[in-house]
């Protein structure tokens, strides 16, 4: 359990200019719980890198509510029909 002082410090660090955030910092940055963050990240196609960090730019798109990169790519996909 994170106490209040640690939460304040984590929030301050998360709001700095870090390009990658730890999962705990990503929870503070997005103001979501652990399961909520995991569910929303999966829906939007935001995944952790090999080191276990979230990319800050991807978290910004997750919070904006803009369409996910996967949905945007799928909209532009053209499927050829076989005649």
C-alpha atoms as a PDB file:
ATOM      1  CA  UNK A   1       0.000   0.000   0.000  1.00  0.00           C
ATOM      2  CA  UNK A   2       1.294   3.435  -0.924  1.00  0.00           C
ATOM      3  CA  UNK A   3       1.008   6.043   1.813  1.00  0.00           C
ATOM      4  CA  UNK A   4       0.021   9.635   1.109  1.00  0.00           C
ATOM      5  CA  UNK A   5       3.543  11.093   1.168  1.00  0.00           C
ATOM      6  CA  UNK A   6       4.833   8.496  -1.298  1.00  0.00           C
ATOM      7  CA  UNK A   7       1.856   9.207  -3.581  1.00  0.00           C
ATOM      8  CA  UNK A   8       2.676  12.935  -3.645  1.00  0.00           C
ATOM      9  CA  UNK A   9       6.305  12.212  -4.494  1.00  0.00           C
ATOM     10  CA  UNK A  10       5.330   9.713  -7.199  1.00  0.00           C
ATOM     11  CA  UNK A  11       2.906  12.209  -8.734  1.00  0.00           C
ATOM     12  CA  UNK A  12       5.614  14.878  -8.830  1.00  0.00           C
ATOM     13  CA  UNK A  13       8.055  12.496 -10.496  1.00  0.00           C
ATOM     14  CA  UNK A  14       5.445  11.265 -12.982  1.00  0.00           C
ATOM     15  CA  UNK A  15       4.681  14.809 -14.075  1.00  0.00           C
ATOM     16  CA  UNK A  16       8.330  15.552 -14.857  1.00  0.00           C
ATOM     17  CA  UNK A  17       9.815  15.146 -18.300  1.00  0.00           C
ATOM     18  CA  UNK A  18      10.259  11.394 -18.130  1.00  0.00           C
ATOM     19  CA  UNK A  19       9.608   9.746 -21.513  1.00  0.00           C
ATOM     20  CA  UNK A  20       8.880   6.365 -19.917  1.00  0.00           C
ATOM     21  CA  UNK A  21       6.875   5.651 -16.775  1.00  0.00           C
ATOM     22  CA  UNK A  22       6.876   2.662 -14.446  1.00  0.00           C
ATOM     23  CA  UNK A  23       3.495   0.937 -14.054  1.00  0.00           C
ATOM     24  CA  UNK A  24       2.993   2.545 -10.619  1.00  0.00           C
ATOM     25  CA  UNK A  25       3.807   5.979 -12.017  1.00  0.00           C
ATOM     26  CA  UNK A  26       1.498   5.356 -14.970  1.00  0.00           C
ATOM     27  CA  UNK A  27      -1.325   4.650 -12.522  1.00  0.00           C
ATOM     28  CA  UNK A  28      -0.704   7.970 -10.800  1.00  0.00           C
ATOM     29  CA  UNK A  29      -0.280   9.829 -14.106  1.00  0.00           C
ATOM     30  CA  UNK A  30      -3.552   8.509 -15.550  1.00  0.00           C
ATOM     31  CA  UNK A  31      -5.381   8.537 -12.200  1.00  0.00           C
ATOM     32  CA  UNK A  32      -6.530   4.947 -12.783  1.00  0.00           C
ATOM     33  CA  UNK A  33      -6.262   1.858 -10.628  1.00  0.00           C
ATOM     34  CA  UNK A  34      -4.134  -1.126 -11.578  1.00  0.00           C
ATOM     35  CA  UNK A  35      -6.901  -3.140 -13.211  1.00  0.00           C
ATOM     36  CA  UNK A  36      -8.499  -0.072 -14.825  1.00  0.00           C
ATOM     37  CA  UNK A  37      -5.175   0.947 -16.368  1.00  0.00           C
ATOM     38  CA  UNK A  38      -4.540  -2.560 -17.679  1.00  0.00           C
ATOM     39  CA  UNK A  39      -8.031  -2.801 -19.207  1.00  0.00           C
ATOM     40  CA  UNK A  40      -7.959   0.644 -20.803  1.00  0.00           C
ATOM     41  CA  UNK A  41      -4.398   0.145 -22.087  1.00  0.00           C
ATOM     42  CA  UNK A  42      -5.375  -3.144 -23.708  1.00  0.00           C
ATOM     43  CA  UNK A  43      -8.430  -1.544 -25.348  1.00  0.00           C
ATOM     44  CA  UNK A  44      -6.339   1.312 -26.736  1.00  0.00           C
ATOM     45  CA  UNK A  45      -3.388  -0.853 -27.792  1.00  0.00           C
ATOM     46  CA  UNK A  46      -0.928   0.654 -25.305  1.00  0.00           C
ATOM     47  CA  UNK A  47       1.573  -1.915 -24.064  1.00  0.00           C
ATOM     48  CA  UNK A  48       4.655  -1.913 -21.868  1.00  0.00           C
ATOM     49  CA  UNK A  49       8.035  -2.115 -23.573  1.00  0.00           C
ATOM     50  CA  UNK A  50      10.528  -4.939 -22.957  1.00  0.00           C
ATOM     51  CA  UNK A  51      11.781  -3.184 -19.814  1.00  0.00           C
ATOM     52  CA  UNK A  52       8.274  -2.975 -18.335  1.00  0.00           C
ATOM     53  CA  UNK A  53       7.736   0.762 -18.837  1.00  0.00           C
ATOM     54  CA  UNK A  54       4.862   2.618 -20.507  1.00  0.00           C
ATOM     55  CA  UNK A  55       5.659   5.266 -23.094  1.00  0.00           C
ATOM     56  CA  UNK A  56       4.390   8.648 -21.944  1.00  0.00           C
ATOM     57  CA  UNK A  57       3.143   9.691 -25.404  1.00  0.00           C
ATOM     58  CA  UNK A  58       1.008   6.554 -25.625  1.00  0.00           C
ATOM     59  CA  UNK A  59      -0.456   7.253 -22.176  1.00  0.00           C
ATOM     60  CA  UNK A  60      -1.352  10.752 -23.374  1.00  0.00           C
ATOM     61  CA  UNK A  61      -3.323   9.302 -26.294  1.00  0.00           C
ATOM     62  CA  UNK A  62      -4.980   6.880 -23.864  1.00  0.00           C
ATOM     63  CA  UNK A  63      -6.134   9.789 -21.682  1.00  0.00           C
ATOM     64  CA  UNK A  64      -7.214  12.007 -24.609  1.00  0.00           C
ATOM     65  CA  UNK A  65      -9.864   9.561 -25.693  1.00  0.00           C
ATOM     66  CA  UNK A  66      -8.652   9.833 -29.260  1.00  0.00           C
ATOM     67  CA  UNK A  67      -8.942   6.725 -31.402  1.00  0.00           C
ATOM     68  CA  UNK A  68      -6.280   4.142 -30.784  1.00  0.00           C
ATOM     69  CA  UNK A  69      -3.487   3.703 -33.327  1.00  0.00           C
ATOM     70  CA  UNK A  70      -4.823   0.216 -34.009  1.00  0.00           C
ATOM     71  CA  UNK A  71      -8.314   1.514 -34.769  1.00  0.00           C
ATOM     72  CA  UNK A  72      -6.880   4.248 -37.011  1.00  0.00           C
ATOM     73  CA  UNK A  73      -4.793   1.718 -38.925  1.00  0.00           C
ATOM     74  CA  UNK A  74      -7.759  -0.615 -39.293  1.00  0.00           C
ATOM     75  CA  UNK A  75      -9.893   2.205 -40.714  1.00  0.00           C
ATOM     76  CA  UNK A  76      -7.311   2.825 -43.443  1.00  0.00           C
ATOM     77  CA  UNK A  77      -6.889  -0.841 -44.270  1.00  0.00           C
ATOM     78  CA  UNK A  78      -8.149  -1.893 -47.676  1.00  0.00           C
ATOM     79  CA  UNK A  79      -9.120  -5.471 -48.205  1.00  0.00           C
ATOM     80  CA  UNK A  80      -9.085  -6.852 -51.715  1.00  0.00           C
ATOM     81  CA  UNK A  81     -12.014  -8.982 -52.709  1.00  0.00           C
ATOM     82  CA  UNK A  82     -11.501 -12.070 -54.790  1.00  0.00           C
ATOM     83  CA  UNK A  83     -13.830 -12.235 -57.741  1.00  0.00           C
END
